[in-house]
Amino acid sequence: EAPHPEAASPAAAANPTDDLSFMALALRL
């Protein structure tokens, strides 16, 4: 979903490659 306007930031934009990488780290944790 599109981020809430007040919360918009560079981190709010979806990047599939980053999503996979950071979620893999979350799973290792």
PDB file of all heavy atoms in Angstrom:
ATOM      1  N   GLU A   1       0.837  -1.182   0.000  1.00  0.00           N
ATOM      2  CA  GLU A   1       0.000   0.000   0.000  1.00  0.00           C
ATOM      3  C   GLU A   1       0.882   1.246   0.000  1.00  0.00           C
ATOM      4  O   GLU A   1       2.022   1.221   0.454  1.00  0.00           O
ATOM      5  CB  GLU A   1      -0.896   0.008   1.241  1.00  0.00           C
ATOM      6  CG  GLU A   1      -1.891  -1.149   1.254  1.00  0.00           C
ATOM      7  CD  GLU A   1      -2.826  -1.062   2.436  1.00  0.00           C
ATOM      8  OE1 GLU A   1      -2.652  -0.153   3.265  1.00  0.00           O
ATOM      9  OE2 GLU A   1      -3.727  -1.887   2.529  1.00  0.00           O
ATOM     10  N   ALA A   2       0.324   2.349  -0.492  1.00  0.00           N
ATOM     11  CA  ALA A   2       1.056   3.616  -0.472  1.00  0.00           C
ATOM     12  C   ALA A   2       1.208   4.085   0.965  1.00  0.00           C
ATOM     13  O   ALA A   2       0.298   3.941   1.773  1.00  0.00           O
ATOM     14  CB  ALA A   2       0.300   4.663  -1.282  1.00  0.00           C
ATOM     15  N   PRO A   3       2.375   4.647   1.311  1.00  0.00           N
ATOM     16  CA  PRO A   3       2.577   5.110   2.673  1.00  0.00           C
ATOM     17  C   PRO A   3       1.705   6.309   2.995  1.00  0.00           C
ATOM     18  O   PRO A   3       1.307   7.061   2.117  1.00  0.00           O
ATOM     19  CB  PRO A   3       4.060   5.478   2.708  1.00  0.00           C
ATOM     20  CG  PRO A   3       4.416   5.759   1.282  1.00  0.00           C
ATOM     21  CD  PRO A   3       3.558   4.842   0.468  1.00  0.00           C
ATOM     22  N   HIS A   4       1.440   6.464   4.260  1.00  0.00           N
ATOM     23  CA  HIS A   4       0.683   7.615   4.729  1.00  0.00           C
ATOM     24  C   HIS A   4       1.471   8.888   4.418  1.00  0.00           C
ATOM     25  O   HIS A   4       2.681   8.944   4.618  1.00  0.00           O
ATOM     26  CB  HIS A   4       0.466   7.478   6.245  1.00  0.00           C
ATOM     27  CG  HIS A   4      -0.519   8.461   6.786  1.00  0.00           C
ATOM     28  ND1 HIS A   4      -0.161   9.688   7.264  1.00  0.00           N
ATOM     29  CD2 HIS A   4      -1.873   8.373   6.930  1.00  0.00           C
ATOM     30  CE1 HIS A   4      -1.233  10.331   7.702  1.00  0.00           C
ATOM     31  NE2 HIS A   4      -2.273   9.559   7.508  1.00  0.00           N
ATOM     32  N   PRO A   5       0.836   9.937   3.920  1.00  0.00           N
ATOM     33  CA  PRO A   5       1.571  11.141   3.506  1.00  0.00           C
ATOM     34  C   PRO A   5       2.467  11.709   4.592  1.00  0.00           C
ATOM     35  O   PRO A   5       3.601  12.092   4.334  1.00  0.00           O
ATOM     36  CB  PRO A   5       0.451  12.116   3.130  1.00  0.00           C
ATOM     37  CG  PRO A   5      -0.702  11.237   2.735  1.00  0.00           C
ATOM     38  CD  PRO A   5      -0.609  10.047   3.614  1.00  0.00           C
ATOM     39  N   GLU A   6       1.959  11.790   5.849  1.00  0.00           N
ATOM     40  CA  GLU A   6       2.762  12.373   6.910  1.00  0.00           C
ATOM     41  C   GLU A   6       3.983  11.526   7.245  1.00  0.00           C
ATOM     42  O   GLU A   6       4.938  12.017   7.844  1.00  0.00           O
ATOM     43  CB  GLU A   6       1.920  12.557   8.180  1.00  0.00           C
ATOM     44  CG  GLU A   6       0.874  13.656   8.069  1.00  0.00           C
ATOM     45  CD  GLU A   6      -0.377  13.184   7.346  1.00  0.00           C
ATOM     46  OE1 GLU A   6      -0.458  11.989   7.006  1.00  0.00           O
ATOM     47  OE2 GLU A   6      -1.271  14.014   7.127  1.00  0.00           O
ATOM     48  N   ALA A   7       3.916  10.218   6.874  1.00  0.00           N
ATOM     49  CA  ALA A   7       5.013   9.329   7.242  1.00  0.00           C
ATOM     50  C   ALA A   7       5.984   9.121   6.093  1.00  0.00           C
ATOM     51  O   ALA A   7       6.890   8.323   6.180  1.00  0.00           O
ATOM     52  CB  ALA A   7       4.465   7.983   7.701  1.00  0.00           C
ATOM     53  N   ALA A   8       5.773   9.834   4.975  1.00  0.00           N
ATOM     54  CA  ALA A   8       6.608   9.582   3.804  1.00  0.00           C
ATOM     55  C   ALA A   8       8.074   9.847   4.111  1.00  0.00           C
ATOM     56  O   ALA A   8       8.435  10.808   4.767  1.00  0.00           O
ATOM     57  CB  ALA A   8       6.155  10.479   2.650  1.00  0.00           C
ATOM     58  N   SER A   9       8.926   8.944   3.622  1.00  0.00           N
ATOM     59  CA  SER A   9      10.366   9.055   3.818  1.00  0.00           C
ATOM     60  C   SER A   9      11.029   8.138   2.821  1.00  0.00           C
ATOM     61  O   SER A   9      10.378   7.310   2.210  1.00  0.00           O
ATOM     62  CB  SER A   9      10.761   8.651   5.243  1.00  0.00           C
ATOM     63  OG  SER A   9      10.687   7.251   5.381  1.00  0.00           O
ATOM     64  N   PRO A  10      12.359   8.257   2.632  1.00  0.00           N
ATOM     65  CA  PRO A  10      13.040   7.344   1.725  1.00  0.00           C
ATOM     66  C   PRO A  10      12.815   5.897   2.104  1.00  0.00           C
ATOM     67  O   PRO A  10      12.782   5.021   1.243  1.00  0.00           O
ATOM     68  CB  PRO A  10      14.517   7.748   1.878  1.00  0.00           C
ATOM     69  CG  PRO A  10      14.472   9.188   2.275  1.00  0.00           C
ATOM     70  CD  PRO A  10      13.252   9.308   3.144  1.00  0.00           C
ATOM     71  N   ALA A  11      12.656   5.603   3.409  1.00  0.00           N
ATOM     72  CA  ALA A  11      12.479   4.219   3.845  1.00  0.00           C
ATOM     73  C   ALA A  11      11.120   3.684   3.461  1.00  0.00           C
ATOM     74  O   ALA A  11      10.904   2.483   3.442  1.00  0.00           O
ATOM     75  CB  ALA A  11      12.658   4.121   5.362  1.00  0.00           C
ATOM     76  N   ALA A  12      10.161   4.587   3.159  1.00  0.00           N
ATOM     77  CA  ALA A  12       8.803   4.132   2.900  1.00  0.00           C
ATOM     78  C   ALA A  12       8.634   3.546   1.506  1.00  0.00           C
ATOM     79  O   ALA A  12       7.663   2.878   1.231  1.00  0.00           O
ATOM     80  CB  ALA A  12       7.834   5.294   3.082  1.00  0.00           C
ATOM     81  N   ALA A  13       9.548   3.821   0.606  1.00  0.00           N
ATOM     82  CA  ALA A  13       9.433   3.325  -0.760  1.00  0.00           C
ATOM     83  C   ALA A  13       9.829   1.856  -0.816  1.00  0.00           C
ATOM     84  O   ALA A  13      10.858   1.459  -0.294  1.00  0.00           O
ATOM     85  CB  ALA A  13      10.334   4.144  -1.684  1.00  0.00           C
ATOM     86  N   ALA A  14       8.992   1.061  -1.462  1.00  0.00           N
ATOM     87  CA  ALA A  14       9.231  -0.381  -1.518  1.00  0.00           C
ATOM     88  C   ALA A  14      10.318  -0.699  -2.523  1.00  0.00           C
ATOM     89  O   ALA A  14      10.319  -0.210  -3.646  1.00  0.00           O
ATOM     90  CB  ALA A  14       7.939  -1.094  -1.894  1.00  0.00           C
ATOM     91  N   ASN A  15      11.259  -1.528  -2.125  1.00  0.00           N
ATOM     92  CA  ASN A  15      12.308  -2.044  -2.994  1.00  0.00           C
ATOM     93  C   ASN A  15      12.346  -3.552  -2.792  1.00  0.00           C
ATOM     94  O   ASN A  15      12.790  -4.018  -1.745  1.00  0.00           O
ATOM     95  CB  ASN A  15      13.659  -1.413  -2.639  1.00  0.00           C
ATOM     96  CG  ASN A  15      14.768  -1.865  -3.578  1.00  0.00           C
ATOM     97  OD1 ASN A  15      14.862  -3.037  -3.937  1.00  0.00           O
ATOM     98  ND2 ASN A  15      15.625  -0.926  -3.960  1.00  0.00           N
ATOM     99  N   PRO A  16      11.869  -4.339  -3.765  1.00  0.00           N
ATOM    100  CA  PRO A  16      11.781  -5.792  -3.580  1.00  0.00           C
ATOM    101  C   PRO A  16      13.097  -6.443  -3.180  1.00  0.00           C
ATOM    102  O   PRO A  16      13.125  -7.338  -2.346  1.00  0.00           O
ATOM    103  CB  PRO A  16      11.293  -6.287  -4.948  1.00  0.00           C
ATOM    104  CG  PRO A  16      10.569  -5.111  -5.537  1.00  0.00           C
ATOM    105  CD  PRO A  16      11.316  -3.913  -5.070  1.00  0.00           C
ATOM    106  N   THR A  17      14.206  -5.966  -3.763  1.00  0.00           N
ATOM    107  CA  THR A  17      15.502  -6.558  -3.425  1.00  0.00           C
ATOM    108  C   THR A  17      15.861  -6.284  -1.981  1.00  0.00           C
ATOM    109  O   THR A  17      16.303  -7.175  -1.244  1.00  0.00           O
ATOM    110  CB  THR A  17      16.600  -6.016  -4.355  1.00  0.00           C
ATOM    111  OG1 THR A  17      16.258  -6.311  -5.710  1.00  0.00           O
ATOM    112  CG2 THR A  17      17.945  -6.645  -4.018  1.00  0.00           C
ATOM    113  N   ASP A  18      15.673  -5.038  -1.541  1.00  0.00           N
ATOM    114  CA  ASP A  18      15.930  -4.704  -0.145  1.00  0.00           C
ATOM    115  C   ASP A  18      15.007  -5.470   0.782  1.00  0.00           C
ATOM    116  O   ASP A  18      15.420  -5.920   1.870  1.00  0.00           O
ATOM    117  CB  ASP A  18      15.759  -3.209   0.080  1.00  0.00           C
ATOM    118  CG  ASP A  18      16.906  -2.392  -0.507  1.00  0.00           C
ATOM    119  OD1 ASP A  18      17.920  -3.000  -0.894  1.00  0.00           O
ATOM    120  OD2 ASP A  18      16.761  -1.155  -0.573  1.00  0.00           O
ATOM    121  N   ASP A  19      13.745  -5.603   0.389  1.00  0.00           N
ATOM    122  CA  ASP A  19      12.792  -6.331   1.224  1.00  0.00           C
ATOM    123  C   ASP A  19      13.275  -7.752   1.489  1.00  0.00           C
ATOM    124  O   ASP A  19      13.219  -8.243   2.626  1.00  0.00           O
ATOM    125  CB  ASP A  19      11.415  -6.365   0.554  1.00  0.00           C
ATOM    126  CG  ASP A  19      10.674  -5.035   0.654  1.00  0.00           C
ATOM    127  OD1 ASP A  19      11.187  -4.116   1.324  1.00  0.00           O
ATOM    128  OD2 ASP A  19       9.579  -4.936   0.067  1.00  0.00           O
ATOM    129  N   LEU A  20      13.736  -8.423   0.469  1.00  0.00           N
ATOM    130  CA  LEU A  20      14.222  -9.792   0.631  1.00  0.00           C
ATOM    131  C   LEU A  20      15.458  -9.836   1.524  1.00  0.00           C
ATOM    132  O   LEU A  20      15.576 -10.692   2.406  1.00  0.00           O
ATOM    133  CB  LEU A  20      14.532 -10.414  -0.732  1.00  0.00           C
ATOM    134  CG  LEU A  20      13.343 -10.679  -1.655  1.00  0.00           C
ATOM    135  CD1 LEU A  20      13.839 -11.120  -3.030  1.00  0.00           C
ATOM    136  CD2 LEU A  20      12.428 -11.741  -1.060  1.00  0.00           C
ATOM    137  N   SER A  21      16.366  -8.915   1.313  1.00  0.00           N
ATOM    138  CA  SER A  21      17.608  -8.906   2.069  1.00  0.00           C
ATOM    139  C   SER A  21      17.372  -8.633   3.553  1.00  0.00           C
ATOM    140  O   SER A  21      17.888  -9.341   4.426  1.00  0.00           O
ATOM    141  CB  SER A  21      18.557  -7.851   1.487  1.00  0.00           C
ATOM    142  OG  SER A  21      19.737  -7.752   2.248  1.00  0.00           O
ATOM    143  N   PHE A  22      16.573  -7.603   3.848  1.00  0.00           N
ATOM    144  CA  PHE A  22      16.355  -7.245   5.251  1.00  0.00           C
ATOM    145  C   PHE A  22      15.458  -8.261   5.963  1.00  0.00           C
ATOM    146  O   PHE A  22      15.628  -8.507   7.155  1.00  0.00           O
ATOM    147  CB  PHE A  22      15.783  -5.833   5.354  1.00  0.00           C
ATOM    148  CG  PHE A  22      16.777  -4.762   4.985  1.00  0.00           C
ATOM    149  CD1 PHE A  22      16.478  -3.827   4.003  1.00  0.00           C
ATOM    150  CD2 PHE A  22      18.007  -4.692   5.620  1.00  0.00           C
ATOM    151  CE1 PHE A  22      17.392  -2.835   3.649  1.00  0.00           C
ATOM    152  CE2 PHE A  22      18.932  -3.694   5.282  1.00  0.00           C
ATOM    153  CZ  PHE A  22      18.630  -2.775   4.294  1.00  0.00           C
ATOM    154  N   MET A  23      14.513  -8.869   5.224  1.00  0.00           N
ATOM    155  CA  MET A  23      13.694  -9.899   5.852  1.00  0.00           C
ATOM    156  C   MET A  23      14.529 -11.143   6.145  1.00  0.00           C
ATOM    157  O   MET A  23      14.325 -11.817   7.174  1.00  0.00           O
ATOM    158  CB  MET A  23      12.495 -10.257   4.977  1.00  0.00           C
ATOM    159  CG  MET A  23      11.540 -11.264   5.630  1.00  0.00           C
ATOM    160  SD  MET A  23      10.842 -10.654   7.202  1.00  0.00           S
ATOM    161  CE  MET A  23       9.602  -9.511   6.569  1.00  0.00           C
ATOM    162  N   ALA A  24      15.474 -11.459   5.266  1.00  0.00           N
ATOM    163  CA  ALA A  24      16.366 -12.584   5.525  1.00  0.00           C
ATOM    164  C   ALA A  24      17.148 -12.359   6.817  1.00  0.00           C
ATOM    165  O   ALA A  24      17.363 -13.284   7.608  1.00  0.00           O
ATOM    166  CB  ALA A  24      17.316 -12.797   4.349  1.00  0.00           C
ATOM    167  N   LEU A  25      17.565 -11.117   7.056  1.00  0.00           N
ATOM    168  CA  LEU A  25      18.257 -10.790   8.300  1.00  0.00           C
ATOM    169  C   LEU A  25      17.311 -10.957   9.493  1.00  0.00           C
ATOM    170  O   LEU A  25      17.703 -11.495  10.538  1.00  0.00           O
ATOM    171  CB  LEU A  25      18.799  -9.361   8.245  1.00  0.00           C
ATOM    172  CG  LEU A  25      19.436  -8.832   9.534  1.00  0.00           C
ATOM    173  CD1 LEU A  25      20.572  -9.741   9.992  1.00  0.00           C
ATOM    174  CD2 LEU A  25      19.923  -7.399   9.336  1.00  0.00           C
ATOM    175  N   ALA A  26      16.075 -10.496   9.344  1.00  0.00           N
ATOM    176  CA  ALA A  26      15.103 -10.657  10.433  1.00  0.00           C
ATOM    177  C   ALA A  26      14.904 -12.133  10.783  1.00  0.00           C
ATOM    178  O   ALA A  26      14.785 -12.493  11.955  1.00  0.00           O
ATOM    179  CB  ALA A  26      13.771 -10.013  10.046  1.00  0.00           C
ATOM    180  N   LEU A  27      14.896 -12.988   9.776  1.00  0.00           N
ATOM    181  CA  LEU A  27      14.738 -14.422  10.021  1.00  0.00           C
ATOM    182  C   LEU A  27      15.952 -15.000  10.725  1.00  0.00           C
ATOM    183  O   LEU A  27      15.826 -15.861  11.605  1.00  0.00           O
ATOM    184  CB  LEU A  27      14.483 -15.153   8.707  1.00  0.00           C
ATOM    185  CG  LEU A  27      13.119 -14.894   8.057  1.00  0.00           C
ATOM    186  CD1 LEU A  27      13.056 -15.531   6.671  1.00  0.00           C
ATOM    187  CD2 LEU A  27      11.991 -15.435   8.935  1.00  0.00           C
ATOM    188  N   ARG A  28      17.143 -14.537  10.353  1.00  0.00           N
ATOM    189  CA  ARG A  28      18.344 -15.021  11.038  1.00  0.00           C
ATOM    190  C   ARG A  28      18.340 -14.591  12.504  1.00  0.00           C
ATOM    191  O   ARG A  28      18.769 -15.341  13.391  1.00  0.00           O
ATOM    192  CB  ARG A  28      19.604 -14.507  10.337  1.00  0.00           C
ATOM    193  CG  ARG A  28      19.840 -15.154   8.978  1.00  0.00           C
ATOM    194  CD  ARG A  28      21.267 -14.919   8.495  1.00  0.00           C
ATOM    195  NE  ARG A  28      21.551 -13.518   8.246  1.00  0.00           N
ATOM    196  CZ  ARG A  28      21.310 -12.898   7.091  1.00  0.00           C
ATOM    197  NH1 ARG A  28      20.762 -13.567   6.082  1.00  0.00           N
ATOM    198  NH2 ARG A  28      21.618 -11.615   6.935  1.00  0.00           N
ATOM    199  N   LEU A  29      17.853 -13.394  12.766  1.00  0.00           N
ATOM    200  CA  LEU A  29      17.738 -12.944  14.155  1.00  0.00           C
ATOM    201  C   LEU A  29      16.712 -13.786  14.911  1.00  0.00           C
ATOM    202  O   LEU A  29      16.938 -14.169  16.064  1.00  0.00           O
ATOM    203  CB  LEU A  29      17.339 -11.469  14.193  1.00  0.00           C
ATOM    204  CG  LEU A  29      18.363 -10.466  13.647  1.00  0.00           C
ATOM    205  CD1 LEU A  29      17.761  -9.064  13.626  1.00  0.00           C
ATOM    206  CD2 LEU A  29      19.632 -10.482  14.479  1.00  0.00           C
TER     207      LEU A  29
END
